[in-house]
Amino acid sequence: MFKYEVIAFLQTSQPKRWAKISAIHGADTDNRIIQRLYKELDLRGSLDVLRNSF
């Protein structure tokens, strides 16, 4: 997985949600997002995550 590309995509495609999440998690936002993404991929699989978000 390309961590920085995923983060950049989320920041540009969903700026309001990113601002809200950043306000909650602060400097640890990037790591928390990537950890959650990996968890969802493990639990549900990549196709379901792509179709239904995480």
PDB file of N, CA and C in Angstrom:
ATOM      1  N   MET A   1       0.847  -1.177   0.000  1.00  0.00           N
ATOM      2  CA  MET A   1       0.000   0.000   0.000  1.00  0.00           C
ATOM      3  C   MET A   1       0.889   1.235   0.000  1.00  0.00           C
ATOM      4  N   PHE A   2       0.422   2.274  -0.629  1.00  0.00           N
ATOM      5  CA  PHE A   2       1.153   3.529  -0.729  1.00  0.00           C
ATOM      6  C   PHE A   2       0.543   4.531   0.243  1.00  0.00           C
ATOM      7  N   LYS A   3       1.103   4.578   1.429  1.00  0.00           N
ATOM      8  CA  LYS A   3       0.552   5.378   2.527  1.00  0.00           C
ATOM      9  C   LYS A   3       0.356   6.844   2.132  1.00  0.00           C
ATOM     10  N   TYR A   4       1.370   7.454   1.570  1.00  0.00           N
ATOM     11  CA  TYR A   4       1.298   8.887   1.289  1.00  0.00           C
ATOM     12  C   TYR A   4       0.322   9.205   0.166  1.00  0.00           C
ATOM     13  N   GLU A   5       0.167   8.307  -0.789  1.00  0.00           N
ATOM     14  CA  GLU A   5      -0.817   8.515  -1.845  1.00  0.00           C
ATOM     15  C   GLU A   5      -2.237   8.396  -1.306  1.00  0.00           C
ATOM     16  N   VAL A   6      -2.456   7.459  -0.404  1.00  0.00           N
ATOM     17  CA  VAL A   6      -3.781   7.291   0.206  1.00  0.00           C
ATOM     18  C   VAL A   6      -4.131   8.528   1.019  1.00  0.00           C
ATOM     19  N   ILE A   7      -3.195   8.995   1.832  1.00  0.00           N
ATOM     20  CA  ILE A   7      -3.429  10.179   2.651  1.00  0.00           C
ATOM     21  C   ILE A   7      -3.701  11.401   1.770  1.00  0.00           C
ATOM     22  N   ALA A   8      -2.892  11.595   0.737  1.00  0.00           N
ATOM     23  CA  ALA A   8      -3.071  12.740  -0.161  1.00  0.00           C
ATOM     24  C   ALA A   8      -4.426  12.669  -0.868  1.00  0.00           C
ATOM     25  N   PHE A   9      -4.825  11.474  -1.294  1.00  0.00           N
ATOM     26  CA  PHE A   9      -6.121  11.309  -1.949  1.00  0.00           C
ATOM     27  C   PHE A   9      -7.263  11.681  -1.005  1.00  0.00           C
ATOM     28  N   LEU A  10      -7.203  11.189   0.219  1.00  0.00           N
ATOM     29  CA  LEU A  10      -8.261  11.495   1.173  1.00  0.00           C
ATOM     30  C   LEU A  10      -8.310  12.985   1.510  1.00  0.00           C
ATOM     31  N   GLN A  11      -7.149  13.610   1.640  1.00  0.00           N
ATOM     32  CA  GLN A  11      -7.112  15.044   1.960  1.00  0.00           C
ATOM     33  C   GLN A  11      -7.702  15.888   0.838  1.00  0.00           C
ATOM     34  N   THR A  12      -7.439  15.531  -0.409  1.00  0.00           N
ATOM     35  CA  THR A  12      -7.936  16.340  -1.524  1.00  0.00           C
ATOM     36  C   THR A  12      -9.377  16.000  -1.900  1.00  0.00           C
ATOM     37  N   SER A  13      -9.773  14.752  -1.746  1.00  0.00           N
ATOM     38  CA  SER A  13     -11.123  14.369  -2.157  1.00  0.00           C
ATOM     39  C   SER A  13     -12.169  14.625  -1.080  1.00  0.00           C
ATOM     40  N   GLN A  14     -11.744  14.702   0.194  1.00  0.00           N
ATOM     41  CA  GLN A  14     -12.694  14.890   1.290  1.00  0.00           C
ATOM     42  C   GLN A  14     -12.140  15.877   2.322  1.00  0.00           C
ATOM     43  N   PRO A  15     -11.947  17.130   1.920  1.00  0.00           N
ATOM     44  CA  PRO A  15     -11.296  18.094   2.821  1.00  0.00           C
ATOM     45  C   PRO A  15     -12.082  18.378   4.108  1.00  0.00           C
ATOM     46  N   LYS A  16     -13.405  18.404   4.048  1.00  0.00           N
ATOM     47  CA  LYS A  16     -14.184  18.679   5.258  1.00  0.00           C
ATOM     48  C   LYS A  16     -14.078  17.530   6.259  1.00  0.00           C
ATOM     49  N   ARG A  17     -14.191  16.315   5.769  1.00  0.00           N
ATOM     50  CA  ARG A  17     -14.059  15.156   6.661  1.00  0.00           C
ATOM     51  C   ARG A  17     -12.643  15.052   7.216  1.00  0.00           C
ATOM     52  N   TRP A  18     -11.654  15.359   6.364  1.00  0.00           N
ATOM     53  CA  TRP A  18     -10.266  15.297   6.825  1.00  0.00           C
ATOM     54  C   TRP A  18     -10.032  16.319   7.941  1.00  0.00           C
ATOM     55  N   ALA A  19     -10.578  17.519   7.801  1.00  0.00           N
ATOM     56  CA  ALA A  19     -10.425  18.552   8.828  1.00  0.00           C
ATOM     57  C   ALA A  19     -11.068  18.110  10.139  1.00  0.00           C
ATOM     58  N   LYS A  20     -12.218  17.479  10.043  1.00  0.00           N
ATOM     59  CA  LYS A  20     -12.910  17.007  11.244  1.00  0.00           C
ATOM     60  C   LYS A  20     -12.104  15.914  11.945  1.00  0.00           C
ATOM     61  N   ILE A  21     -11.594  14.970  11.179  1.00  0.00           N
ATOM     62  CA  ILE A  21     -10.795  13.882  11.755  1.00  0.00           C
ATOM     63  C   ILE A  21      -9.495  14.419  12.324  1.00  0.00           C
ATOM     64  N   SER A  22      -8.874  15.373  11.644  1.00  0.00           N
ATOM     65  CA  SER A  22      -7.623  15.965  12.124  1.00  0.00           C
ATOM     66  C   SER A  22      -7.832  16.717  13.430  1.00  0.00           C
ATOM     67  N   ALA A  23      -8.979  17.354  13.568  1.00  0.00           N
ATOM     68  CA  ALA A  23      -9.271  18.060  14.808  1.00  0.00           C
ATOM     69  C   ALA A  23      -9.392  17.092  15.983  1.00  0.00           C
ATOM     70  N   ILE A  24      -9.874  15.905  15.721  1.00  0.00           N
ATOM     71  CA  ILE A  24     -10.049  14.907  16.771  1.00  0.00           C
ATOM     72  C   ILE A  24      -8.723  14.231  17.122  1.00  0.00           C
ATOM     73  N   HIS A  25      -7.975  13.806  16.104  1.00  0.00           N
ATOM     74  CA  HIS A  25      -6.782  12.992  16.337  1.00  0.00           C
ATOM     75  C   HIS A  25      -5.469  13.761  16.303  1.00  0.00           C
ATOM     76  N   GLY A  26      -5.465  14.971  15.831  1.00  0.00           N
ATOM     77  CA  GLY A  26      -4.258  15.795  15.832  1.00  0.00           C
ATOM     78  C   GLY A  26      -3.157  15.243  14.948  1.00  0.00           C
ATOM     79  N   ALA A  27      -1.949  15.224  15.466  1.00  0.00           N
ATOM     80  CA  ALA A  27      -0.773  14.822  14.700  1.00  0.00           C
ATOM     81  C   ALA A  27      -0.767  13.332  14.348  1.00  0.00           C
ATOM     82  N   ASP A  28      -1.565  12.548  15.029  1.00  0.00           N
ATOM     83  CA  ASP A  28      -1.592  11.094  14.807  1.00  0.00           C
ATOM     84  C   ASP A  28      -2.621  10.684  13.748  1.00  0.00           C
ATOM     85  N   THR A  29      -3.209  11.635  13.061  1.00  0.00           N
ATOM     86  CA  THR A  29      -4.282  11.355  12.104  1.00  0.00           C
ATOM     87  C   THR A  29      -3.841  10.390  11.009  1.00  0.00           C
ATOM     88  N   ASP A  30      -2.689  10.650  10.400  1.00  0.00           N
ATOM     89  CA  ASP A  30      -2.215   9.795   9.300  1.00  0.00           C
ATOM     90  C   ASP A  30      -2.113   8.337   9.735  1.00  0.00           C
ATOM     91  N   ASN A  31      -1.482   8.099  10.874  1.00  0.00           N
ATOM     92  CA  ASN A  31      -1.298   6.728  11.346  1.00  0.00           C
ATOM     93  C   ASN A  31      -2.625   6.065  11.691  1.00  0.00           C
ATOM     94  N   ARG A  32      -3.528   6.812  12.300  1.00  0.00           N
ATOM     95  CA  ARG A  32      -4.826   6.235  12.670  1.00  0.00           C
ATOM     96  C   ARG A  32      -5.645   5.865  11.443  1.00  0.00           C
ATOM     97  N   ILE A  33      -5.591   6.703  10.412  1.00  0.00           N
ATOM     98  CA  ILE A  33      -6.326   6.420   9.176  1.00  0.00           C
ATOM     99  C   ILE A  33      -5.765   5.167   8.508  1.00  0.00           C
ATOM    100  N   ILE A  34      -4.462   5.076   8.396  1.00  0.00           N
ATOM    101  CA  ILE A  34      -3.840   3.916   7.752  1.00  0.00           C
ATOM    102  C   ILE A  34      -4.105   2.648   8.556  1.00  0.00           C
ATOM    103  N   GLN A  35      -4.025   2.716   9.877  1.00  0.00           N
ATOM    104  CA  GLN A  35      -4.324   1.546  10.706  1.00  0.00           C
ATOM    105  C   GLN A  35      -5.762   1.095  10.500  1.00  0.00           C
ATOM    106  N   ARG A  36      -6.685   2.035  10.449  1.00  0.00           N
ATOM    107  CA  ARG A  36      -8.098   1.689  10.241  1.00  0.00           C
ATOM    108  C   ARG A  36      -8.310   1.073   8.867  1.00  0.00           C
ATOM    109  N   LEU A  37      -7.649   1.634   7.859  1.00  0.00           N
ATOM    110  CA  LEU A  37      -7.760   1.089   6.506  1.00  0.00           C
ATOM    111  C   LEU A  37      -7.261  -0.347   6.462  1.00  0.00           C
ATOM    112  N   TYR A  38      -6.097  -0.610   7.053  1.00  0.00           N
ATOM    113  CA  TYR A  38      -5.563  -1.978   7.080  1.00  0.00           C
ATOM    114  C   TYR A  38      -6.499  -2.927   7.817  1.00  0.00           C
ATOM    115  N   LYS A  39      -7.067  -2.474   8.925  1.00  0.00           N
ATOM    116  CA  LYS A  39      -7.995  -3.302   9.686  1.00  0.00           C
ATOM    117  C   LYS A  39      -9.224  -3.659   8.852  1.00  0.00           C
ATOM    118  N   GLU A  40      -9.791  -2.666   8.186  1.00  0.00           N
ATOM    119  CA  GLU A  40     -10.971  -2.906   7.359  1.00  0.00           C
ATOM    120  C   GLU A  40     -10.650  -3.812   6.172  1.00  0.00           C
ATOM    121  N   LEU A  41      -9.479  -3.640   5.574  1.00  0.00           N
ATOM    122  CA  LEU A  41      -9.075  -4.515   4.467  1.00  0.00           C
ATOM    123  C   LEU A  41      -8.948  -5.960   4.933  1.00  0.00           C
ATOM    124  N   ASP A  42      -8.389  -6.159   6.121  1.00  0.00           N
ATOM    125  CA  ASP A  42      -8.249  -7.513   6.663  1.00  0.00           C
ATOM    126  C   ASP A  42      -9.606  -8.132   6.973  1.00  0.00           C
ATOM    127  N   LEU A  43     -10.502  -7.339   7.548  1.00  0.00           N
ATOM    128  CA  LEU A  43     -11.805  -7.864   7.953  1.00  0.00           C
ATOM    129  C   LEU A  43     -12.748  -8.101   6.779  1.00  0.00           C
ATOM    130  N   ARG A  44     -12.818  -7.126   5.868  1.00  0.00           N
ATOM    131  CA  ARG A  44     -13.843  -7.159   4.825  1.00  0.00           C
ATOM    132  C   ARG A  44     -13.314  -7.442   3.433  1.00  0.00           C
ATOM    133  N   GLY A  45     -12.042  -7.260   3.211  1.00  0.00           N
ATOM    134  CA  GLY A  45     -11.479  -7.462   1.886  1.00  0.00           C
ATOM    135  C   GLY A  45     -11.457  -6.169   1.093  1.00  0.00           C
ATOM    136  N   SER A  46     -10.593  -6.130   0.106  1.00  0.00           N
ATOM    137  CA  SER A  46     -10.381  -4.889  -0.642  1.00  0.00           C
ATOM    138  C   SER A  46     -11.590  -4.490  -1.492  1.00  0.00           C
ATOM    139  N   LEU A  47     -12.268  -5.441  -2.093  1.00  0.00           N
ATOM    140  CA  LEU A  47     -13.406  -5.108  -2.947  1.00  0.00           C
ATOM    141  C   LEU A  47     -14.528  -4.445  -2.151  1.00  0.00           C
ATOM    142  N   ASP A  48     -14.848  -4.987  -0.979  1.00  0.00           N
ATOM    143  CA  ASP A  48     -15.892  -4.406  -0.155  1.00  0.00           C
ATOM    144  C   ASP A  48     -15.496  -3.015   0.331  1.00  0.00           C
ATOM    145  N   VAL A  49     -14.241  -2.823   0.692  1.00  0.00           N
ATOM    146  CA  VAL A  49     -13.784  -1.505   1.145  1.00  0.00           C
ATOM    147  C   VAL A  49     -13.866  -0.500   0.010  1.00  0.00           C
ATOM    148  N   LEU A  50     -13.490  -0.908  -1.184  1.00  0.00           N
ATOM    149  CA  LEU A  50     -13.573   0.000  -2.327  1.00  0.00           C
ATOM    150  C   LEU A  50     -15.015   0.362  -2.664  1.00  0.00           C
ATOM    151  N   ARG A  51     -15.890  -0.600  -2.575  1.00  0.00           N
ATOM    152  CA  ARG A  51     -17.306  -0.351  -2.905  1.00  0.00           C
ATOM    153  C   ARG A  51     -18.031   0.445  -1.831  1.00  0.00           C
ATOM    154  N   ASN A  52     -17.733   0.195  -0.564  1.00  0.00           N
ATOM    155  CA  ASN A  52     -18.545   0.740   0.525  1.00  0.00           C
ATOM    156  C   ASN A  52     -17.797   1.672   1.462  1.00  0.00           C
ATOM    157  N   SER A  53     -16.556   1.989   1.188  1.00  0.00           N
ATOM    158  CA  SER A  53     -15.766   2.898   2.019  1.00  0.00           C
ATOM    159  C   SER A  53     -15.371   2.224   3.330  1.00  0.00           C
ATOM    160  N   PHE A  54     -14.667   2.974   4.136  1.00  0.00           N
ATOM    161  CA  PHE A  54     -14.271   2.470   5.450  1.00  0.00           C
ATOM    162  C   PHE A  54     -14.423   3.536   6.499  1.00  0.00           C
TER     163      PHE A  54
END
